Amino acid sequence: MIKCTIFLLLLASTCTATNVILARAGTDVSLFRVRTVLESPGDVNALGTGPKGGANYQFYCSAATTVQFGVNALVLGVMQDSAFVIMDTGSQTTWQFGSGDVRDMFAYTTTQSLTYSVSQGMHSLSILEREDGTRYDHFKMVLGYGTCFWVGWTTEDFPAYMAPTIVPPWQVATFVEFPGRMSSASKCTPGDTVCSGTISYEFYCSAPETVRISLEALMWNLANTVNVQLDGGVWEEWVLGSSKNWEKSSAVQYSVGQGQHKVTIGGSSPGVKFKAVLIDGANCEVETAAPMTPTPQVQPTLTPISPSPPVTNVPTAIPTSVPIPPTPIPPPPTAVPTAIPTAVPTAIPTSVPTVAPTPSPTATAVPTSVPAPPTPVPTAVPTVVPTAAPTAIPTQTPTLAPTSVPTAVPTDVPTAIPTVVPTAVPTVVPTMVPTPVPTPVPTPVPTPVPTSTPTVAPTTPPTNAPTQTPQTPSPTVVPTTPTPPTPTTMTPPTPTTPSPPTTTTSPT
């Protein structure tokens, strides 16, 4: 059994619980959610007293510009609503979030940081403790984003707990919350799981036992109640207590028998947050359960330095009068394009092209999946194999091989130059120039111009059929000799006096 004195820094005070279940290991989850933040532990104003924690964030600017920041934080009171800010090696200034932002839910505060003029290059934003008890969810670049980018992140909202440098006593905290803002009118009635949602935790008792169940929770103002049910029994409201820091709540008590049991928590007042469920029973123990979400990677922390610190490249627990800027860290490769080209190309091309080209091509041997579109003009060198479809513009040089299949239909318009070999089928319209070799079949329409040279020898057999449209002989320019009449009978004709010859010349 796990004793309450071994909590691995989960609890801020000692208790008598026998078993601890991390809140994020709950099952049957509805409406409740897990949140991981960066927190400054404590619940009193630490201004001017105690060790000072903090965190450092880095960003890169592609050009000189002005930046300003907002913060998404949990501000439980006017004594937890401010921090110190140092930009690069500048002076320390106070960022007052605003007393009007007192709430029990995470939200962006109404007051933003000062504005800072920055040059092109890497820059450092240090957030240092001024008052304890503040919990930070995100820092947002409200001015300058687009020219400036967080190192290792792709949006203007940077998760606070992912700071590359965290100075204790600041720490990363993961907990379960019932979302919303406290209001007596917004409380959920016990048993109304549609309103409250649920999250369950199981434990086992080897013998009958009276168990006490409590929570390690933030219980502030009206956000201090939950609804609870054991083994499917009656729902009841559970008033936890009051604390701005993680504390053990009041307990509910149940008499249970030997066997497996399940305690189910439902939301009552929005804004309740708890880290762990504590089961106090000598004969009871909990089983290890998988967390709802992976435990966030704890960032490296720094031990507070001695009174005479050596010069370092990381922030000290107490800022010096002239802070030493941290060593610039190059941004890691991202899955989305960068606004400026990288100095060295990536080994694998990104799925989306970069906004600006890289100085060198990417070192990939695999071509891109998108083929190149056809060129709008013909290539200077013909293709080895003819294309299936003709190009819109003919190539400057003919293809190396003719098409495998001749055209099925002759062209409607005659060619300017006759073909060397006559076509198998005559063309519908005669050619402009007669072919050197006569066609085997007469054309449907005679050629408008006779051949310039008669054939060397007449065809051996006559044509099978005359032309479809015989030529009409042109009238001669001189009269012809009349044809003598044909005799009508076989009787010899009566002798007549012959006619005198005409004076015209007969045609040869």
Protein backbone atom coordinates (compact mmCIF):
# COMPACT_ATOMS: atom_id res chain seq x y z
CA MET A 1 0.00 0.00 0.00
CA ILE A 2 1.18 3.54 -0.77
CA LYS A 3 1.43 5.65 2.33
CA CYS A 4 0.29 9.26 2.30
CA THR A 5 3.76 10.47 3.25
CA ILE A 6 5.13 9.34 -0.16
CA PHE A 7 3.31 11.57 -2.61
CA LEU A 8 6.15 12.38 -5.04
CA LEU A 9 5.54 16.08 -4.49
CA LEU A 10 1.84 15.74 -5.32
CA LEU A 11 0.65 17.05 -1.97
CA ALA A 12 1.53 20.25 -0.21
CA SER A 13 0.77 18.94 3.29
CA THR A 14 0.79 15.65 5.21
CA CYS A 15 -2.35 13.56 5.58
CA THR A 16 -3.50 10.15 6.76
CA ALA A 17 -4.71 8.72 3.46
CA THR A 18 -3.48 5.26 2.58
CA ASN A 19 -3.94 5.39 -1.21
CA VAL A 20 -3.50 8.12 -3.80
CA ILE A 21 -5.09 8.03 -7.26
CA LEU A 22 -3.92 10.67 -9.72
CA ALA A 23 -6.94 12.65 -10.86
CA ARG A 24 -6.04 12.25 -14.54
CA ALA A 25 -6.32 8.41 -14.17
CA GLY A 26 -10.12 8.59 -13.94
CA THR A 27 -12.47 6.60 -16.19
CA ASP A 28 -16.00 7.11 -17.58
CA VAL A 29 -15.09 10.73 -18.20
CA SER A 30 -17.74 13.23 -19.31
CA LEU A 31 -17.33 17.05 -19.29
CA PHE A 32 -14.31 16.92 -16.96
CA ARG A 33 -10.99 17.64 -18.67
CA VAL A 34 -7.26 17.42 -17.96
CA ARG A 35 -5.16 20.60 -18.01
CA THR A 36 -1.38 21.10 -17.68
CA VAL A 37 -0.09 24.53 -16.65
CA LEU A 38 2.91 26.35 -15.18
CA GLU A 39 2.28 27.48 -11.63
CA SER A 40 3.82 29.61 -8.92
CA PRO A 41 2.92 27.64 -5.76
CA GLY A 42 1.53 29.40 -2.70
CA ASP A 43 -1.58 31.25 -1.64
CA VAL A 44 -0.17 34.42 -0.05
CA ASN A 45 1.43 37.53 -1.48
CA ALA A 46 5.16 36.77 -1.84
CA LEU A 47 6.12 40.27 -2.91
CA GLY A 48 9.55 40.97 -1.43
CA THR A 49 9.81 37.63 0.47
CA GLY A 50 10.93 34.07 -0.23
CA PRO A 51 12.62 32.54 -3.29
CA LYS A 52 11.63 33.81 -6.69
CA GLY A 53 10.82 31.43 -9.51
CA GLY A 54 10.25 32.16 -13.16
CA ALA A 55 10.39 30.96 -16.74
CA ASN A 56 12.14 32.01 -19.95
CA TYR A 57 10.69 31.93 -23.48
CA GLN A 58 12.40 32.56 -26.81
CA PHE A 59 11.15 33.90 -30.11
CA TYR A 60 12.65 34.85 -33.47
CA CYS A 61 11.86 37.96 -35.57
CA SER A 62 12.58 38.09 -39.30
CA ALA A 63 12.66 41.91 -39.21
CA ALA A 64 12.59 44.75 -36.71
CA THR A 65 9.11 45.23 -35.25
CA THR A 66 7.08 45.91 -32.07
CA VAL A 67 5.85 43.06 -29.85
CA GLN A 68 3.33 42.84 -27.02
CA PHE A 69 2.10 39.87 -25.00
CA GLY A 70 -1.08 38.63 -23.35
CA VAL A 71 -1.47 35.90 -20.73
CA ASN A 72 -4.11 33.21 -20.17
CA ALA A 73 -3.97 32.64 -16.42
CA LEU A 74 -5.90 31.59 -13.33
CA VAL A 75 -6.06 34.65 -11.08
CA LEU A 76 -7.80 33.78 -7.81
CA GLY A 77 -7.34 37.19 -6.19
CA VAL A 78 -5.69 40.60 -6.25
CA MET A 79 -2.65 39.12 -4.50
CA GLN A 80 -1.92 36.79 -7.44
CA ASP A 81 -2.36 39.13 -10.41
CA SER A 82 1.11 40.38 -11.40
CA ALA A 83 4.59 39.33 -12.55
CA PHE A 84 7.95 40.85 -13.46
CA VAL A 85 8.98 40.96 -17.14
CA ILE A 86 12.45 41.30 -18.70
CA MET A 87 12.88 41.61 -22.47
CA ASP A 88 16.34 40.49 -23.61
CA THR A 89 18.87 42.47 -21.53
CA GLY A 90 16.45 45.30 -20.72
CA SER A 91 15.31 46.49 -17.35
CA GLN A 92 12.79 44.67 -15.18
CA THR A 93 9.21 45.96 -15.44
CA THR A 94 5.94 45.02 -13.70
CA TRP A 95 3.06 43.43 -15.59
CA GLN A 96 -0.14 44.01 -13.60
CA PHE A 97 -2.77 41.65 -14.98
CA GLY A 98 -5.63 43.60 -13.44
CA SER A 99 -7.68 43.16 -10.27
CA GLY A 100 -10.82 43.05 -12.38
CA ASP A 101 -9.69 39.67 -13.70
CA VAL A 102 -10.27 37.78 -10.44
CA ARG A 103 -11.91 34.51 -11.43
CA ASP A 104 -11.80 30.79 -10.88
CA MET A 105 -11.38 29.86 -14.54
CA PHE A 106 -8.48 30.19 -16.98
CA ALA A 107 -8.90 33.10 -19.39
CA TYR A 108 -6.88 35.85 -21.03
CA THR A 109 -6.52 38.82 -18.71
CA THR A 110 -7.74 42.27 -19.77
CA THR A 111 -4.35 43.95 -19.25
CA GLN A 112 -1.53 43.11 -21.65
CA SER A 113 2.20 43.61 -21.27
CA LEU A 114 4.15 46.71 -22.28
CA THR A 115 5.16 47.02 -25.92
CA TYR A 116 8.77 46.31 -26.87
CA SER A 117 10.73 47.34 -29.95
CA VAL A 118 12.86 44.42 -31.11
CA SER A 119 15.37 43.95 -33.91
CA GLN A 120 15.73 41.13 -36.39
CA GLY A 121 17.01 37.92 -34.74
CA MET A 122 16.52 35.84 -31.58
CA HIS A 123 14.96 37.37 -28.46
CA SER A 124 14.26 36.30 -24.87
CA LEU A 125 11.13 36.95 -22.77
CA SER A 126 11.60 36.26 -19.02
CA ILE A 127 8.54 36.02 -16.74
CA LEU A 128 9.58 36.21 -13.07
CA GLU A 129 7.61 35.82 -9.87
CA ARG A 130 6.24 38.94 -8.21
CA GLU A 131 3.31 37.32 -6.37
CA ASP A 132 2.80 33.60 -5.77
CA GLY A 133 -0.33 31.56 -6.37
CA THR A 134 -0.66 32.43 -10.08
CA ARG A 135 -1.11 29.69 -12.67
CA TYR A 136 -0.24 30.29 -16.34
CA ASP A 137 -1.86 28.43 -19.23
CA HIS A 138 -0.61 30.30 -22.36
CA PHE A 139 1.37 33.38 -23.35
CA LYS A 140 0.13 35.03 -26.52
CA MET A 141 2.00 37.29 -28.96
CA VAL A 142 -0.75 39.90 -29.53
CA LEU A 143 1.53 42.26 -31.50
CA GLY A 144 4.31 41.26 -33.87
CA TYR A 145 3.12 37.74 -34.71
CA GLY A 146 3.79 37.00 -38.36
CA THR A 147 7.11 38.81 -38.24
CA CYS A 148 8.05 37.08 -34.97
CA PHE A 149 7.52 33.42 -34.03
CA TRP A 150 7.91 31.38 -30.84
CA VAL A 151 10.82 28.96 -30.96
CA GLY A 152 9.42 25.44 -31.21
CA TRP A 153 5.78 26.48 -31.72
CA THR A 154 3.62 27.35 -34.73
CA THR A 155 0.85 29.65 -33.39
CA GLU A 156 0.77 32.92 -31.48
CA ASP A 157 -0.34 31.08 -28.27
CA PHE A 158 2.60 29.35 -26.56
CA PRO A 159 1.86 26.77 -23.76
CA ALA A 160 3.34 28.22 -20.59
CA TYR A 161 4.48 24.85 -19.19
CA MET A 162 6.65 24.21 -22.29
CA ALA A 163 9.11 26.95 -21.33
CA PRO A 164 12.65 25.76 -22.15
CA THR A 165 13.82 27.08 -18.77
CA ILE A 166 11.79 26.90 -15.53
CA VAL A 167 13.27 28.23 -12.29
CA PRO A 168 11.95 26.66 -9.02
CA PRO A 169 9.81 26.92 -7.06
CA TRP A 170 7.77 27.38 -10.25
CA GLN A 171 6.63 23.95 -11.46
CA VAL A 172 4.47 22.12 -13.99
CA ALA A 173 1.09 20.98 -12.64
CA THR A 174 -1.45 18.57 -14.20
CA PHE A 175 -4.98 18.32 -12.81
CA VAL A 176 -8.64 17.65 -13.65
CA GLU A 177 -11.16 20.47 -13.74
CA PHE A 178 -14.88 20.90 -14.12
CA PRO A 179 -14.89 23.77 -16.65
CA GLY A 180 -16.78 26.99 -16.22
CA ARG A 181 -16.96 30.02 -13.97
CA MET A 182 -18.25 29.94 -10.43
CA SER A 183 -21.85 30.96 -9.88
CA SER A 184 -24.40 29.85 -7.33
CA ALA A 185 -26.99 29.82 -10.11
CA SER A 186 -24.87 27.51 -12.30
CA LYS A 187 -24.49 24.66 -9.77
CA CYS A 188 -25.57 21.22 -10.95
CA THR A 189 -28.14 19.26 -8.95
CA PRO A 190 -26.78 15.96 -7.52
CA GLY A 191 -27.66 13.16 -9.94
CA ASP A 192 -28.04 15.45 -12.98
CA THR A 193 -25.12 13.92 -14.88
CA VAL A 194 -26.07 15.73 -18.09
CA CYS A 195 -25.25 18.98 -16.28
CA SER A 196 -22.40 17.75 -14.11
CA GLY A 197 -20.60 15.13 -16.17
CA THR A 198 -18.78 12.30 -14.40
CA ILE A 199 -15.35 10.88 -13.68
CA SER A 200 -14.83 7.60 -11.77
CA TYR A 201 -12.09 5.98 -9.66
CA GLU A 202 -11.91 2.36 -8.46
CA PHE A 203 -10.40 0.78 -5.33
CA TYR A 204 -10.42 -2.68 -3.73
CA CYS A 205 -11.01 -3.66 -0.10
CA SER A 206 -9.87 -7.04 1.17
CA ALA A 207 -12.29 -6.87 4.13
CA PRO A 208 -15.25 -4.73 5.25
CA GLU A 209 -14.00 -1.21 5.93
CA THR A 210 -15.03 2.34 6.72
CA VAL A 211 -13.28 4.45 4.07
CA ARG A 212 -12.74 8.19 4.00
CA ILE A 213 -12.44 9.80 0.57
CA SER A 214 -10.97 13.27 0.05
CA LEU A 215 -9.46 15.31 -2.80
CA GLU A 216 -6.27 17.32 -3.22
CA ALA A 217 -7.98 20.38 -4.72
CA LEU A 218 -8.16 24.11 -5.33
CA MET A 219 -11.28 25.23 -3.48
CA TRP A 220 -11.99 28.93 -3.75
CA ASN A 221 -15.08 31.06 -3.26
CA LEU A 222 -18.12 29.38 -4.85
CA ALA A 223 -16.03 26.83 -6.79
CA ASN A 224 -15.79 24.48 -3.80
CA THR A 225 -18.39 21.72 -4.27
CA VAL A 226 -18.72 18.48 -6.23
CA ASN A 227 -21.36 15.75 -6.36
CA VAL A 228 -20.32 12.23 -5.29
CA GLN A 229 -21.70 8.69 -5.62
CA LEU A 230 -20.37 5.33 -4.36
CA ASP A 231 -21.07 2.08 -6.22
CA GLY A 232 -24.07 3.48 -8.09
CA GLY A 233 -25.83 4.60 -4.91
CA VAL A 234 -27.40 7.92 -4.00
CA TRP A 235 -25.81 11.13 -5.28
CA GLU A 236 -25.01 13.79 -2.68
CA GLU A 237 -23.34 17.20 -2.66
CA TRP A 238 -19.82 17.34 -1.22
CA VAL A 239 -18.55 20.70 0.15
CA LEU A 240 -14.75 20.58 -0.16
CA GLY A 241 -13.56 23.58 1.87
CA SER A 242 -11.59 26.70 0.91
CA SER A 243 -7.99 27.18 -0.28
CA LYS A 244 -6.16 29.05 -3.08
CA ASN A 245 -3.40 26.43 -3.06
CA TRP A 246 -3.48 22.65 -3.45
CA GLU A 247 -4.83 21.32 -0.15
CA LYS A 248 -6.58 18.22 1.17
CA SER A 249 -10.34 18.76 1.12
CA SER A 250 -12.90 17.66 3.66
CA ALA A 251 -13.74 13.94 3.47
CA VAL A 252 -16.83 11.87 2.80
CA GLN A 253 -17.14 8.56 4.67
CA TYR A 254 -18.62 5.25 3.50
CA SER A 255 -18.95 1.75 4.99
CA VAL A 256 -18.00 -0.78 2.34
CA GLY A 257 -17.77 -4.56 2.13
CA GLN A 258 -15.04 -6.79 0.80
CA GLY A 259 -14.55 -6.41 -2.98
CA GLN A 260 -14.19 -3.88 -5.77
CA HIS A 261 -15.71 -0.39 -5.35
CA LYS A 262 -16.12 2.71 -7.50
CA VAL A 263 -16.46 6.32 -6.44
CA THR A 264 -17.91 8.65 -9.09
CA ILE A 265 -17.50 12.43 -8.95
CA GLY A 266 -19.80 14.82 -10.79
CA GLY A 267 -19.43 18.53 -11.28
CA SER A 268 -21.38 20.78 -8.95
CA SER A 269 -19.96 24.31 -9.01
CA PRO A 270 -17.99 25.12 -12.19
CA GLY A 271 -14.30 25.87 -11.71
CA VAL A 272 -13.41 23.06 -9.28
CA LYS A 273 -9.92 21.62 -9.87
CA PHE A 274 -8.26 18.62 -8.22
CA LYS A 275 -4.95 16.76 -8.60
CA ALA A 276 -5.62 13.50 -6.74
CA VAL A 277 -8.23 11.31 -5.06
CA LEU A 278 -7.21 10.08 -1.58
CA ILE A 279 -8.64 6.76 -0.28
CA ASP A 280 -8.11 6.27 3.46
CA GLY A 281 -8.81 2.67 4.51
CA ALA A 282 -6.49 0.14 6.14
CA ASN A 283 -7.96 -2.79 4.18
CA CYS A 284 -8.32 -0.94 0.88
CA GLU A 285 -5.92 -0.29 -1.97
CA VAL A 286 -6.03 1.15 -5.46
CA GLU A 287 -5.05 -0.40 -8.76
CA THR A 288 -2.70 1.30 -11.14
CA ALA A 289 -4.71 2.87 -13.95
CA ALA A 290 -3.62 4.42 -17.21
CA PRO A 291 -3.86 8.23 -17.22
CA MET A 292 -6.52 9.86 -19.37
CA THR A 293 -3.76 11.68 -21.27
CA PRO A 294 -0.01 11.18 -21.32
CA THR A 295 1.84 12.87 -18.52
CA PRO A 296 3.38 16.06 -19.93
CA GLN A 297 7.12 16.06 -20.23
CA VAL A 298 8.55 17.92 -17.27
CA GLN A 299 10.86 20.66 -18.47
CA PRO A 300 14.38 20.91 -17.01
CA THR A 301 14.57 23.13 -13.96
CA LEU A 302 17.36 25.12 -12.37
CA THR A 303 18.46 25.04 -8.75
CA PRO A 304 18.50 28.51 -7.14
CA ILE A 305 22.04 29.87 -7.24
CA SER A 306 24.35 30.74 -4.35
CA PRO A 307 24.86 34.38 -3.17
CA SER A 308 27.92 34.82 -5.45
CA PRO A 309 26.80 33.26 -8.70
CA PRO A 310 29.06 32.73 -11.68
CA VAL A 311 28.03 34.17 -15.03
CA THR A 312 25.60 31.83 -16.76
CA ASN A 313 23.53 31.83 -19.93
CA VAL A 314 20.26 31.09 -18.12
CA PRO A 315 18.12 33.31 -15.88
CA THR A 316 18.97 33.33 -12.18
CA ALA A 317 16.42 32.83 -9.41
CA ILE A 318 16.83 36.52 -8.55
CA PRO A 319 17.32 38.70 -11.65
CA THR A 320 20.55 40.64 -11.89
CA SER A 321 20.59 44.36 -12.62
CA VAL A 322 21.68 43.58 -16.18
CA PRO A 323 20.33 40.14 -17.16
CA ILE A 324 22.54 37.96 -19.31
CA PRO A 325 20.73 36.97 -22.50
CA PRO A 326 20.34 33.21 -23.02
CA THR A 327 22.16 31.45 -25.81
CA PRO A 328 19.95 31.46 -28.90
CA ILE A 329 18.41 28.10 -29.65
CA PRO A 330 17.65 27.41 -33.32
CA PRO A 331 14.04 26.50 -33.97
CA PRO A 332 13.36 22.79 -34.55
CA PRO A 333 11.88 21.67 -37.87
CA THR A 334 8.13 22.04 -38.02
CA ALA A 335 5.37 20.28 -39.96
CA VAL A 336 4.15 23.55 -41.44
CA PRO A 337 6.05 25.94 -43.68
CA THR A 338 8.24 28.62 -42.12
CA ALA A 339 7.83 32.26 -43.05
CA ILE A 340 11.53 32.58 -43.92
CA PRO A 341 13.78 30.03 -45.60
CA THR A 342 15.91 27.78 -43.43
CA ALA A 343 19.68 28.03 -43.66
CA VAL A 344 19.98 24.30 -44.38
CA PRO A 345 17.35 22.41 -46.41
CA THR A 346 15.38 19.68 -44.70
CA ALA A 347 16.16 16.05 -45.54
CA ILE A 348 12.52 15.36 -46.41
CA PRO A 349 10.33 17.91 -48.20
CA THR A 350 7.45 19.39 -46.23
CA SER A 351 3.86 18.49 -47.20
CA VAL A 352 3.09 22.16 -47.75
CA PRO A 353 5.51 24.44 -49.64
CA THR A 354 7.37 27.12 -47.71
CA VAL A 355 6.35 30.77 -48.05
CA ALA A 356 9.87 31.61 -49.23
CA PRO A 357 12.21 29.24 -51.09
CA THR A 358 15.15 27.66 -49.29
CA PRO A 359 18.68 28.73 -50.34
CA SER A 360 19.38 25.14 -51.43
CA PRO A 361 17.03 22.45 -52.78
CA THR A 362 15.78 19.75 -50.43
CA ALA A 363 17.92 16.62 -50.33
CA THR A 364 15.31 14.16 -51.51
CA ALA A 365 15.77 11.50 -54.17
CA VAL A 366 12.04 10.95 -54.62
CA PRO A 367 10.22 13.23 -57.08
CA THR A 368 7.16 15.09 -56.00
CA SER A 369 3.83 13.31 -56.41
CA VAL A 370 2.36 16.01 -58.65
CA PRO A 371 3.51 15.64 -62.31
CA ALA A 372 4.61 18.67 -64.26
CA PRO A 373 1.89 20.16 -66.53
CA PRO A 374 2.36 20.00 -70.33
CA THR A 375 4.35 22.83 -71.89
CA PRO A 376 2.28 25.44 -73.78
CA VAL A 377 4.70 25.38 -76.76
CA PRO A 378 6.06 22.39 -78.74
CA THR A 379 9.39 20.89 -77.83
CA ALA A 380 12.42 21.62 -79.99
CA VAL A 381 13.20 17.89 -80.32
CA PRO A 382 10.52 15.44 -81.51
CA THR A 383 9.28 12.69 -79.26
CA VAL A 384 10.55 9.16 -79.86
CA VAL A 385 7.00 7.76 -79.94
CA PRO A 386 4.10 9.68 -81.48
CA THR A 387 1.50 10.94 -79.05
CA ALA A 388 -1.98 9.41 -78.93
CA ALA A 389 -3.61 12.77 -79.55
CA PRO A 390 -2.28 15.55 -81.80
CA THR A 391 -0.73 18.60 -80.15
CA ALA A 392 -2.40 21.98 -80.40
CA ILE A 393 0.71 23.34 -82.10
CA PRO A 394 2.80 21.13 -84.43
CA THR A 395 6.32 20.29 -83.37
CA GLN A 396 9.18 22.06 -85.10
CA THR A 397 10.63 18.73 -86.19
CA PRO A 398 8.51 15.72 -87.27
CA THR A 399 8.38 12.62 -85.11
CA LEU A 400 11.01 9.94 -85.66
CA ALA A 401 8.39 7.37 -86.59
CA PRO A 402 5.07 7.86 -88.44
CA THR A 403 1.82 7.02 -86.79
CA SER A 404 1.12 3.28 -86.66
CA VAL A 405 -2.35 3.58 -88.21
CA PRO A 406 -3.13 5.77 -91.29
CA THR A 407 -5.99 8.18 -91.22
CA ALA A 408 -9.34 6.47 -91.80
CA VAL A 409 -10.88 9.18 -93.95
CA PRO A 410 -9.17 11.28 -96.65
CA THR A 411 -8.89 14.97 -96.03
CA ASP A 412 -11.64 17.23 -97.36
CA VAL A 413 -9.20 19.85 -98.56
CA PRO A 414 -6.57 18.93 -101.18
CA THR A 415 -2.92 19.04 -100.22
CA ALA A 416 -0.72 21.79 -101.62
CA ILE A 417 1.80 19.24 -102.91
CA PRO A 418 0.70 15.97 -104.56
CA THR A 419 1.54 12.73 -102.84
CA VAL A 420 4.26 10.52 -104.34
CA VAL A 421 1.96 7.52 -104.39
CA PRO A 422 -1.72 7.97 -105.29
CA THR A 423 -4.29 7.35 -102.61
CA ALA A 424 -6.30 4.13 -102.69
CA VAL A 425 -9.53 6.10 -102.75
CA PRO A 426 -9.91 9.25 -104.83
CA THR A 427 -10.36 12.50 -102.98
CA VAL A 428 -13.75 14.22 -102.98
CA VAL A 429 -12.20 17.40 -104.33
CA PRO A 430 -9.57 17.18 -107.08
CA THR A 431 -6.00 18.11 -106.26
CA MET A 432 -4.69 21.51 -107.23
CA VAL A 433 -1.88 19.90 -109.23
CA PRO A 434 -2.21 16.58 -111.06
CA THR A 435 -0.36 13.63 -109.64
CA PRO A 436 2.81 12.44 -111.41
CA VAL A 437 1.28 8.97 -111.76
CA PRO A 438 -2.31 8.47 -112.94
CA THR A 439 -4.78 7.07 -110.47
CA PRO A 440 -5.99 3.50 -111.05
CA VAL A 441 -9.56 4.65 -110.88
CA PRO A 442 -10.88 7.79 -112.55
CA THR A 443 -11.80 10.60 -110.20
CA PRO A 444 -15.52 11.36 -109.70
CA VAL A 445 -14.89 14.86 -111.00
CA PRO A 446 -12.31 15.47 -113.76
CA THR A 447 -9.32 17.61 -113.01
CA PRO A 448 -9.78 21.24 -113.96
CA VAL A 449 -6.45 21.25 -115.84
CA PRO A 450 -5.32 18.46 -118.18
CA THR A 451 -1.94 16.87 -117.68
CA SER A 452 0.86 18.91 -119.14
CA THR A 453 2.37 15.86 -120.82
CA PRO A 454 0.40 13.05 -122.41
CA THR A 455 0.93 9.55 -121.19
CA VAL A 456 3.94 7.73 -122.62
CA ALA A 457 1.78 4.90 -123.82
CA PRO A 458 -1.93 4.40 -123.85
CA THR A 459 -3.35 2.15 -121.20
CA THR A 460 -3.37 -1.48 -122.32
CA PRO A 461 -6.97 -2.11 -121.43
CA PRO A 462 -9.53 0.66 -121.65
CA THR A 463 -11.02 2.08 -118.44
CA ASN A 464 -13.82 0.04 -116.97
CA ALA A 465 -16.17 2.96 -116.94
CA PRO A 466 -16.26 6.41 -118.37
CA THR A 467 -15.99 9.41 -116.16
CA GLN A 468 -19.20 10.28 -114.33
CA THR A 469 -19.34 13.71 -115.90
CA PRO A 470 -17.99 13.75 -119.54
CA GLN A 471 -16.37 16.90 -120.70
CA THR A 472 -18.41 19.03 -123.13
CA PRO A 473 -16.28 19.73 -126.21
CA SER A 474 -15.49 23.34 -126.71
CA PRO A 475 -16.72 24.87 -130.01
CA THR A 476 -14.03 25.46 -132.62
CA VAL A 477 -13.34 28.90 -133.92
CA VAL A 478 -13.70 27.77 -137.59
CA PRO A 479 -16.67 26.03 -139.33
CA THR A 480 -16.49 22.32 -140.12
CA THR A 481 -17.35 20.58 -143.44
CA PRO A 482 -20.97 19.36 -143.55
CA THR A 483 -21.38 15.60 -143.34
CA PRO A 484 -22.93 14.12 -146.58
CA PRO A 485 -26.37 12.62 -146.17
CA THR A 486 -26.64 8.89 -145.65
CA PRO A 487 -28.38 6.95 -148.53
CA THR A 488 -31.79 5.74 -147.66
CA THR A 489 -32.10 2.90 -150.29
CA MET A 490 -29.88 0.43 -152.04
CA THR A 491 -30.95 1.79 -155.46
CA PRO A 492 -28.14 3.58 -157.19
CA PRO A 493 -28.59 7.28 -157.07
CA THR A 494 -29.55 9.35 -160.06
CA PRO A 495 -26.51 11.06 -161.49
CA THR A 496 -26.33 14.68 -160.52
CA THR A 497 -24.01 17.47 -161.18
CA PRO A 498 -21.40 17.68 -158.39
CA SER A 499 -21.34 20.82 -156.27
CA PRO A 500 -18.43 23.19 -156.64
CA PRO A 501 -15.83 23.03 -153.81
CA THR A 502 -15.98 25.54 -150.94
CA THR A 503 -13.38 28.19 -150.42
CA THR A 504 -12.74 27.30 -146.75
CA THR A 505 -9.94 25.06 -145.54
CA SER A 506 -10.82 21.68 -144.13
CA PRO A 507 -9.51 20.86 -140.58
CA THR A 508 -6.55 18.54 -140.50
